[in-house]
Amino acid sequence: MEVHDRLADTVRIEGARILATLVRTVGNLQVAEDAVQDAVVAALREWPRAGVPDQPRAWLTVTARRRAIDILRREAARAGKEREGADLMELSKPDLPPESTVRDDQLRLIFTCCHPALSPDARVALALRTLCGLSPTQIAAVLLSTEPAMAKRLTRTRQKIAAARIPYRVPPDAELPARLTPVCGVVHALYTAGHAPVAGESAVDVDVCAEAVRLARLLYDLLPDEAAPAAVLALLLLTDARRPARTDAAGEVVLLADQDRSRWDAGLIAEGCALLDASLRRTGGVADPYQLQAAVAAEHARAPSYPATDWAEIVRLYDLLLSVASTPNAALSRAVAVAEASGAAAGLAALEGLPPSARWHAVRAELLAREGRYAEAVSAVTESLAGEQTGPERRYRERRRAEWAARL
């Protein structure tokens, strides 16, 4: 089991880097993915017998390269033509590429996943698959789809990249600003997939969150003078700073009101606030959706305690956010802030007209309980349990249901 765990950790942490480098040299996303998968299968056979290698990433990279060479040669033979030698020569190099090259490879992969020829859902699905290594089942849960439909979408997306000859490169400087919106959207979606998983036994997927933060840093390093990458990185850092306190030692959910704020990462909060200020200066104080979300996160981060939070300011920020980018999640979060600023009855009124969801029912249940309407709260929280959710989330809601039922 230890060998399998080491392999799983290596693939989870290093898989995207190996894939990005292979895509550069192969020029074909499907071939690169197949080669990496074959390398993992080979590791499952070899590592239990020979032991985990000293450099697991290097072992997988070399094995994947060899497999890619076999695939390319087979395809060339099937087509009855010689393959140009450059790719095979590059793949045959024994050394790992330097970190600067790996960084550039990952940026190329981000922009390939976010090419404007691909639909928004296709971009997010492909990024979740290639950059975070999520399975079609996991991606389907994030995007509220089915596993067969998601597998077909991923296949079609890869085929479109090949057929349209979408280049595997970072766009020229003149094209970068126009390409920022989808790239920022995908990086934010990646973080959301880790920060708020829709299923599973963990309240947060630490590895997916870390990957999204790393990609946001790469994007910011590429375009340090653009407002959007700075705002996205600020939002992710300010949110991630609170992650250590979101669960207890057993992995169970800890609400924001009950979190030990000494466990929040002060360094990430300071960095996030500085990035937000710099981003706002670049837009002359006219905030975009990422800046506004980061501003909300900054208000939480600066508050010395939950009661001391400036809830009126958070409501104001959500009002601005809804005026430029209205989403059900933002409207629901605003209702929570309204309840804290003006009372449960006001929060319940703010919920009216919003599309019901598991979280909507859960929020409504909490507000009903504050009003002493426990029978309605039990009914609402029961509704929230009907949808898919993580184990810790489900257990928290079941505990709340039991507490309120005991008060009837």
Protein backbone atom coordinates (compact mmCIF):
# COMPACT_ATOMS: atom_id res chain seq x y z
CA MET A 1 0.00 0.00 0.00
CA GLU A 2 2.89 2.37 0.76
CA VAL A 3 4.20 1.98 -2.80
CA HIS A 4 0.78 2.73 -4.25
CA ASP A 5 0.47 5.77 -1.98
CA ARG A 6 3.86 7.09 -3.12
CA LEU A 7 2.85 6.64 -6.74
CA ALA A 8 -0.49 8.34 -6.19
CA ASP A 9 1.25 11.28 -4.48
CA THR A 10 3.78 11.59 -7.30
CA VAL A 11 1.10 11.55 -9.99
CA ARG A 12 -1.06 14.03 -8.10
CA ILE A 13 1.79 16.48 -7.47
CA GLU A 14 3.97 16.02 -10.55
CA GLY A 15 1.58 14.62 -13.17
CA ALA A 16 0.68 17.97 -14.72
CA ARG A 17 4.35 18.94 -15.07
CA ILE A 18 5.22 15.65 -16.76
CA LEU A 19 2.24 15.99 -19.09
CA ALA A 20 3.04 19.61 -19.97
CA THR A 21 6.58 18.72 -21.00
CA LEU A 22 5.42 15.75 -23.07
CA VAL A 23 2.80 17.83 -24.87
CA ARG A 24 5.51 20.30 -25.93
CA THR A 25 7.69 17.60 -27.44
CA VAL A 26 4.91 15.40 -28.85
CA GLY A 27 2.64 18.17 -30.06
CA ASN A 28 -0.40 16.00 -29.39
CA LEU A 29 -2.37 16.12 -26.14
CA GLN A 30 -3.93 12.67 -26.54
CA VAL A 31 -0.57 10.98 -27.23
CA ALA A 32 0.97 12.70 -24.22
CA GLU A 33 -1.90 11.68 -21.92
CA ASP A 34 -1.75 8.09 -23.15
CA ALA A 35 2.00 7.98 -22.55
CA VAL A 36 1.69 9.29 -18.99
CA GLN A 37 -1.08 6.79 -18.22
CA ASP A 38 1.04 3.95 -19.59
CA ALA A 39 3.95 5.10 -17.41
CA VAL A 40 1.71 4.97 -14.35
CA VAL A 41 0.59 1.43 -15.27
CA ALA A 42 4.24 0.44 -15.66
CA ALA A 43 5.00 1.89 -12.22
CA LEU A 44 2.19 -0.17 -10.72
CA ARG A 45 3.95 -3.27 -12.08
CA GLU A 46 7.56 -2.33 -11.36
CA TRP A 47 7.63 -0.37 -8.12
CA PRO A 48 6.15 -3.07 -5.85
CA ARG A 49 8.82 -5.48 -7.16
CA ALA A 50 11.87 -3.21 -7.46
CA GLY A 51 10.98 -0.56 -4.89
CA VAL A 52 10.11 3.10 -5.27
CA PRO A 53 12.88 4.85 -7.26
CA ASP A 54 14.94 7.60 -5.64
CA GLN A 55 13.44 10.11 -8.08
CA PRO A 56 9.86 9.00 -8.81
CA ARG A 57 9.11 11.97 -11.07
CA ALA A 58 12.20 11.32 -13.17
CA TRP A 59 11.29 7.62 -13.48
CA LEU A 60 7.78 8.45 -14.67
CA THR A 61 9.04 11.14 -17.06
CA VAL A 62 11.58 8.84 -18.71
CA THR A 63 9.08 5.98 -18.92
CA ALA A 64 6.42 8.27 -20.40
CA ARG A 65 8.94 9.56 -22.96
CA ARG A 66 9.78 6.03 -24.06
CA ARG A 67 6.10 5.20 -24.36
CA ALA A 68 5.51 8.37 -26.39
CA ILE A 69 8.31 7.35 -28.77
CA ASP A 70 6.66 3.95 -29.26
CA ILE A 71 3.28 5.59 -29.97
CA LEU A 72 4.74 8.07 -32.45
CA ARG A 73 6.70 5.38 -34.30
CA ARG A 74 3.65 3.14 -34.47
CA GLU A 75 1.54 5.99 -35.85
CA ALA A 76 4.22 6.81 -38.41
CA ALA A 77 4.42 3.17 -39.53
CA ARG A 78 0.64 2.95 -39.79
CA ALA A 79 0.60 6.08 -41.95
CA GLY A 80 3.36 4.71 -44.14
CA LYS A 81 5.60 7.74 -43.73
CA GLU A 82 8.65 8.82 -41.82
CA ARG A 83 8.15 10.88 -38.71
CA GLU A 84 10.24 14.04 -38.50
CA GLY A 85 13.13 13.29 -36.19
CA ALA A 86 13.03 16.41 -34.01
CA ASP A 87 10.30 15.16 -31.69
CA LEU A 88 11.92 11.76 -31.17
CA MET A 89 15.33 13.33 -30.55
CA GLU A 90 13.83 15.65 -27.95
CA LEU A 91 11.94 12.81 -26.30
CA SER A 92 15.08 10.66 -26.20
CA LYS A 93 17.06 13.14 -24.11
CA PRO A 94 17.94 11.44 -20.80
CA ASP A 95 17.84 14.51 -18.55
CA LEU A 96 14.85 16.24 -17.05
CA PRO A 97 14.24 19.72 -18.46
CA PRO A 98 15.23 22.66 -16.23
CA GLU A 99 12.57 24.23 -14.01
CA SER A 100 12.35 27.30 -16.27
CA THR A 101 11.40 25.06 -19.19
CA VAL A 102 8.84 23.16 -17.11
CA ARG A 103 7.33 26.51 -16.06
CA ASP A 104 7.01 27.58 -19.70
CA ASP A 105 5.52 24.19 -20.61
CA GLN A 106 2.83 24.64 -17.98
CA LEU A 107 1.98 28.12 -19.23
CA ARG A 108 1.66 26.72 -22.75
CA LEU A 109 -0.70 24.05 -21.47
CA ILE A 110 -2.85 26.63 -19.65
CA PHE A 111 -3.28 28.71 -22.80
CA THR A 112 -3.95 25.63 -24.91
CA CYS A 113 -6.73 24.58 -22.54
CA CYS A 114 -8.17 28.11 -22.68
CA HIS A 115 -8.05 28.70 -26.42
CA PRO A 116 -11.00 30.86 -27.61
CA ALA A 117 -11.98 28.18 -30.15
CA LEU A 118 -13.06 25.98 -27.21
CA SER A 119 -16.32 26.50 -25.33
CA PRO A 120 -16.11 27.75 -21.71
CA ASP A 121 -17.23 24.39 -20.30
CA ALA A 122 -14.74 22.56 -22.51
CA ARG A 123 -11.93 24.80 -21.26
CA VAL A 124 -12.74 24.13 -17.63
CA ALA A 125 -13.19 20.39 -18.19
CA LEU A 126 -9.90 20.07 -20.06
CA ALA A 127 -8.05 22.14 -17.46
CA LEU A 128 -9.44 20.05 -14.61
CA ARG A 129 -8.30 16.92 -16.44
CA THR A 130 -4.85 18.00 -17.64
CA LEU A 131 -3.77 20.54 -15.03
CA CYS A 132 -5.24 18.95 -11.90
CA GLY A 133 -5.54 15.31 -12.93
CA LEU A 134 -9.21 14.98 -11.96
CA SER A 135 -11.03 11.94 -13.31
CA PRO A 136 -14.03 12.26 -15.67
CA THR A 137 -16.22 11.28 -12.72
CA GLN A 138 -14.85 14.09 -10.56
CA ILE A 139 -15.09 16.62 -13.41
CA ALA A 140 -18.67 15.58 -14.09
CA ALA A 141 -19.52 16.26 -10.45
CA VAL A 142 -17.91 19.72 -10.58
CA LEU A 143 -19.70 20.67 -13.81
CA LEU A 144 -23.00 19.01 -12.86
CA SER A 145 -22.83 16.51 -15.71
CA THR A 146 -22.58 12.72 -16.05
CA GLU A 147 -19.42 10.66 -16.38
CA PRO A 148 -20.24 9.35 -19.92
CA ALA A 149 -21.12 12.85 -21.13
CA MET A 150 -17.93 14.26 -19.64
CA ALA A 151 -15.76 11.53 -21.19
CA LYS A 152 -17.27 12.33 -24.59
CA ARG A 153 -16.74 16.06 -24.08
CA LEU A 154 -13.08 15.55 -23.21
CA THR A 155 -12.58 13.35 -26.27
CA ARG A 156 -14.28 15.90 -28.54
CA THR A 157 -12.19 18.70 -27.06
CA ARG A 158 -8.92 16.88 -27.71
CA GLN A 159 -10.06 16.11 -31.24
CA LYS A 160 -10.92 19.77 -31.82
CA ILE A 161 -7.49 20.86 -30.63
CA ALA A 162 -5.90 18.44 -33.09
CA ALA A 163 -8.24 19.19 -36.02
CA ALA A 164 -8.07 22.98 -35.57
CA ARG A 165 -4.30 22.78 -35.08
CA ILE A 166 -4.60 24.87 -31.93
CA PRO A 167 -1.01 25.85 -31.15
CA TYR A 168 0.64 24.70 -27.99
CA ARG A 169 2.21 28.03 -27.04
CA VAL A 170 1.89 31.16 -24.96
CA PRO A 171 0.25 33.74 -27.25
CA PRO A 172 2.27 36.73 -28.51
CA ASP A 173 2.23 39.80 -26.26
CA ALA A 174 -0.35 41.53 -28.46
CA GLU A 175 -2.82 38.66 -27.96
CA LEU A 176 -2.34 38.16 -24.23
CA PRO A 177 -4.81 40.77 -22.86
CA ALA A 178 -7.67 39.36 -24.96
CA ARG A 179 -6.89 35.84 -23.76
CA LEU A 180 -6.75 36.74 -20.07
CA THR A 181 -10.45 36.47 -19.28
CA PRO A 182 -10.84 32.75 -20.09
CA VAL A 183 -7.48 31.88 -18.52
CA CYS A 184 -8.33 33.69 -15.29
CA GLY A 185 -11.75 32.06 -15.31
CA VAL A 186 -10.25 28.58 -15.60
CA VAL A 187 -7.68 29.15 -12.85
CA HIS A 188 -10.44 30.43 -10.56
CA ALA A 189 -12.64 27.44 -11.46
CA LEU A 190 -9.77 25.08 -10.63
CA TYR A 191 -9.43 26.60 -7.18
CA THR A 192 -13.17 26.47 -6.60
CA ALA A 193 -13.17 22.76 -7.48
CA GLY A 194 -10.67 22.18 -4.67
CA HIS A 195 -12.03 24.70 -2.17
CA ALA A 196 -15.62 23.48 -2.42
CA PRO A 197 -15.69 19.88 -3.68
CA VAL A 198 -19.12 18.62 -4.62
CA ALA A 199 -18.54 15.12 -3.24
CA GLY A 200 -16.02 12.89 -1.51
CA GLU A 201 -14.82 12.48 2.05
CA SER A 202 -12.78 15.69 2.29
CA ALA A 203 -14.17 19.16 2.91
CA VAL A 204 -11.35 20.57 0.78
CA ASP A 205 -9.02 19.11 -1.86
CA VAL A 206 -5.68 20.55 -0.73
CA ASP A 207 -3.78 19.39 -3.80
CA VAL A 208 -6.18 20.94 -6.31
CA CYS A 209 -6.14 24.20 -4.35
CA ALA A 210 -2.34 24.19 -4.31
CA GLU A 211 -2.20 23.52 -8.05
CA ALA A 212 -4.58 26.41 -8.76
CA VAL A 213 -2.52 28.78 -6.59
CA ARG A 214 0.65 27.69 -8.37
CA LEU A 215 -0.92 28.29 -11.78
CA ALA A 216 -2.19 31.70 -10.64
CA ARG A 217 1.36 32.58 -9.62
CA LEU A 218 2.67 31.47 -13.02
CA LEU A 219 0.10 33.66 -14.74
CA TYR A 220 0.89 36.64 -12.51
CA ASP A 221 4.63 36.21 -13.13
CA LEU A 222 3.95 36.21 -16.87
CA LEU A 223 1.81 39.39 -16.73
CA PRO A 224 2.70 41.28 -13.54
CA ASP A 225 1.40 44.60 -14.88
CA GLU A 226 -2.10 43.34 -15.73
CA ALA A 227 -4.86 43.85 -13.17
CA ALA A 228 -6.73 40.54 -13.62
CA PRO A 229 -3.93 38.05 -12.80
CA ALA A 230 -3.04 40.05 -9.68
CA ALA A 231 -6.69 40.06 -8.59
CA VAL A 232 -7.14 36.33 -9.17
CA LEU A 233 -3.97 35.52 -7.25
CA ALA A 234 -5.07 37.88 -4.44
CA LEU A 235 -8.46 36.16 -4.25
CA LEU A 236 -6.92 32.69 -4.10
CA LEU A 237 -4.32 33.64 -1.48
CA LEU A 238 -6.83 35.43 0.76
CA THR A 239 -9.17 32.44 0.55
CA ASP A 240 -6.42 29.87 0.99
CA ALA A 241 -5.10 31.70 4.06
CA ARG A 242 -8.19 30.55 5.98
CA ARG A 243 -8.00 26.93 4.81
CA PRO A 244 -6.11 25.49 7.86
CA ALA A 245 -8.99 26.52 10.15
CA ARG A 246 -11.85 25.28 7.95
CA THR A 247 -11.72 21.75 9.38
CA ASP A 248 -10.90 20.27 12.75
CA ALA A 249 -8.40 17.52 13.55
CA ALA A 250 -10.91 14.89 12.40
CA GLY A 251 -11.54 16.65 9.08
CA GLU A 252 -15.00 17.86 10.07
CA VAL A 253 -16.35 21.26 8.98
CA VAL A 254 -15.69 24.30 11.18
CA LEU A 255 -17.90 27.28 10.35
CA LEU A 256 -16.31 30.69 9.78
CA ALA A 257 -17.87 31.99 13.00
CA ASP A 258 -16.14 29.24 15.00
CA GLN A 259 -12.73 29.19 13.32
CA ASP A 260 -9.52 29.76 15.28
CA ARG A 261 -8.21 32.84 13.46
CA SER A 262 -4.73 32.32 14.85
CA ARG A 263 -4.49 29.41 12.40
CA TRP A 264 -5.05 31.70 9.43
CA ASP A 265 -1.89 32.31 7.39
CA ALA A 266 -0.91 35.94 8.08
CA GLY A 267 1.73 35.89 5.34
CA LEU A 268 -0.77 34.90 2.66
CA ILE A 269 -3.23 37.54 3.93
CA ALA A 270 -0.60 40.29 3.71
CA GLU A 271 0.47 39.18 0.24
CA GLY A 272 -3.13 38.93 -0.96
CA CYS A 273 -4.04 42.40 0.32
CA ALA A 274 -0.95 43.91 -1.32
CA LEU A 275 -1.82 42.25 -4.64
CA LEU A 276 -5.41 43.48 -4.41
CA ASP A 277 -4.27 47.05 -3.76
CA ALA A 278 -1.87 46.89 -6.72
CA SER A 279 -4.59 45.45 -8.97
CA LEU A 280 -7.06 48.19 -7.99
CA ARG A 281 -4.49 50.89 -8.76
CA ARG A 282 -4.13 49.49 -12.27
CA THR A 283 -7.88 49.85 -12.93
CA GLY A 284 -8.21 53.28 -11.37
CA GLY A 285 -10.41 51.96 -8.57
CA VAL A 286 -13.04 50.56 -10.96
CA ALA A 287 -13.30 47.00 -9.70
CA ASP A 288 -13.83 43.87 -11.79
CA PRO A 289 -15.46 40.66 -10.45
CA TYR A 290 -12.20 39.13 -9.21
CA GLN A 291 -11.21 42.33 -7.42
CA LEU A 292 -14.60 42.52 -5.73
CA GLN A 293 -14.45 38.88 -4.61
CA ALA A 294 -10.93 39.47 -3.33
CA ALA A 295 -12.16 42.56 -1.48
CA VAL A 296 -14.81 40.43 0.27
CA ALA A 297 -12.14 37.91 1.24
CA ALA A 298 -9.94 40.76 2.50
CA GLU A 299 -12.74 42.05 4.73
CA HIS A 300 -13.03 38.62 6.34
CA ALA A 301 -9.25 38.33 6.67
CA ARG A 302 -8.88 41.74 8.34
CA ALA A 303 -11.65 41.21 10.89
CA PRO A 304 -10.26 40.35 14.35
CA SER A 305 -13.34 38.24 15.09
CA TYR A 306 -16.55 37.10 13.46
CA PRO A 307 -18.78 39.63 15.29
CA ALA A 308 -16.31 42.43 14.41
CA THR A 309 -16.63 41.74 10.67
CA ASP A 310 -17.87 44.75 8.70
CA TRP A 311 -20.93 42.98 7.31
CA ALA A 312 -22.43 46.16 5.89
CA GLU A 313 -19.32 46.65 3.77
CA ILE A 314 -19.48 43.04 2.62
CA VAL A 315 -23.11 43.52 1.57
CA ARG A 316 -22.04 46.63 -0.36
CA LEU A 317 -19.28 44.69 -2.13
CA TYR A 318 -21.70 41.90 -3.06
CA ASP A 319 -24.13 44.50 -4.43
CA LEU A 320 -21.33 45.80 -6.66
CA LEU A 321 -20.37 42.27 -7.66
CA LEU A 322 -23.94 41.40 -8.63
CA SER A 323 -24.11 44.55 -10.75
CA VAL A 324 -21.14 43.44 -12.88
CA ALA A 325 -21.29 39.63 -12.67
CA SER A 326 -24.51 38.22 -11.26
CA THR A 327 -24.28 34.55 -10.26
CA PRO A 328 -26.45 32.40 -7.98
CA ASN A 329 -23.49 31.77 -5.65
CA ALA A 330 -22.78 35.49 -5.28
CA ALA A 331 -26.46 36.22 -4.61
CA LEU A 332 -26.58 33.46 -1.99
CA SER A 333 -23.43 34.74 -0.29
CA ARG A 334 -24.96 38.22 -0.25
CA ALA A 335 -28.03 36.82 1.54
CA VAL A 336 -25.77 35.37 4.22
CA ALA A 337 -24.06 38.75 4.64
CA VAL A 338 -27.45 40.50 4.81
CA ALA A 339 -28.49 38.13 7.61
CA GLU A 340 -25.35 38.96 9.57
CA ALA A 341 -25.75 42.70 9.00
CA SER A 342 -29.52 43.05 9.45
CA GLY A 343 -30.85 39.87 11.05
CA ALA A 344 -32.18 36.47 10.03
CA ALA A 345 -35.51 37.82 8.77
CA ALA A 346 -33.71 40.13 6.34
CA GLY A 347 -31.54 37.22 5.21
CA LEU A 348 -34.61 35.06 4.55
CA ALA A 349 -36.10 37.88 2.49
CA ALA A 350 -32.87 38.11 0.49
CA LEU A 351 -33.12 34.39 -0.27
CA GLU A 352 -36.52 34.76 -1.90
CA GLY A 353 -36.40 34.43 -5.66
CA LEU A 354 -32.97 32.79 -5.73
CA PRO A 355 -32.68 29.38 -7.43
CA PRO A 356 -32.89 26.56 -4.85
CA SER A 357 -29.82 24.38 -4.38
CA ALA A 358 -28.42 22.22 -1.60
CA ARG A 359 -26.54 25.22 -0.20
CA TRP A 360 -29.60 27.47 -0.56
CA HIS A 361 -31.66 25.04 1.52
CA ALA A 362 -28.86 24.76 4.09
CA VAL A 363 -28.57 28.54 4.46
CA ARG A 364 -32.34 28.88 4.74
CA ALA A 365 -32.40 26.19 7.43
CA GLU A 366 -29.83 28.06 9.53
CA LEU A 367 -31.77 31.33 9.25
CA LEU A 368 -35.08 29.64 10.08
CA ALA A 369 -33.50 28.11 13.19
CA ARG A 370 -32.27 31.55 14.28
CA GLU A 371 -35.89 32.69 14.10
CA GLY A 372 -36.93 29.76 16.30
CA ARG A 373 -38.81 28.12 13.42
CA TYR A 374 -37.31 24.69 14.10
CA ALA A 375 -39.85 22.53 12.27
CA GLU A 376 -39.27 24.53 9.09
CA ALA A 377 -35.52 24.41 9.70
CA VAL A 378 -35.62 20.61 9.94
CA SER A 379 -37.57 20.43 6.70
CA ALA A 380 -35.16 22.80 4.93
CA VAL A 381 -32.01 21.04 6.06
CA THR A 382 -33.53 17.71 5.00
CA GLU A 383 -33.99 19.22 1.54
CA SER A 384 -30.31 20.19 1.55
CA LEU A 385 -29.31 16.57 2.16
CA ALA A 386 -30.97 15.44 -1.08
CA GLY A 387 -28.15 16.75 -3.27
CA GLU A 388 -24.59 15.48 -3.67
CA GLN A 389 -22.15 16.83 -1.09
CA THR A 390 -18.98 15.94 0.77
CA GLY A 391 -19.05 13.62 3.76
CA PRO A 392 -18.12 16.36 6.28
CA GLU A 393 -20.80 18.66 4.86
CA ARG A 394 -23.44 15.95 5.08
CA ARG A 395 -22.50 15.05 8.65
CA TYR A 396 -22.63 18.69 9.73
CA ARG A 397 -26.12 19.12 8.30
CA GLU A 398 -27.30 15.87 9.89
CA ARG A 399 -26.04 17.09 13.27
CA ARG A 400 -27.89 20.37 12.83
CA ARG A 401 -31.07 18.51 11.91
CA ALA A 402 -30.82 16.42 15.07
CA GLU A 403 -30.23 19.53 17.21
CA TRP A 404 -33.25 21.33 15.80
CA ALA A 405 -35.46 18.25 15.93
CA ALA A 406 -34.65 17.93 19.64
CA ARG A 407 -36.04 21.43 20.21
CA LEU A 408 -39.46 20.64 18.73
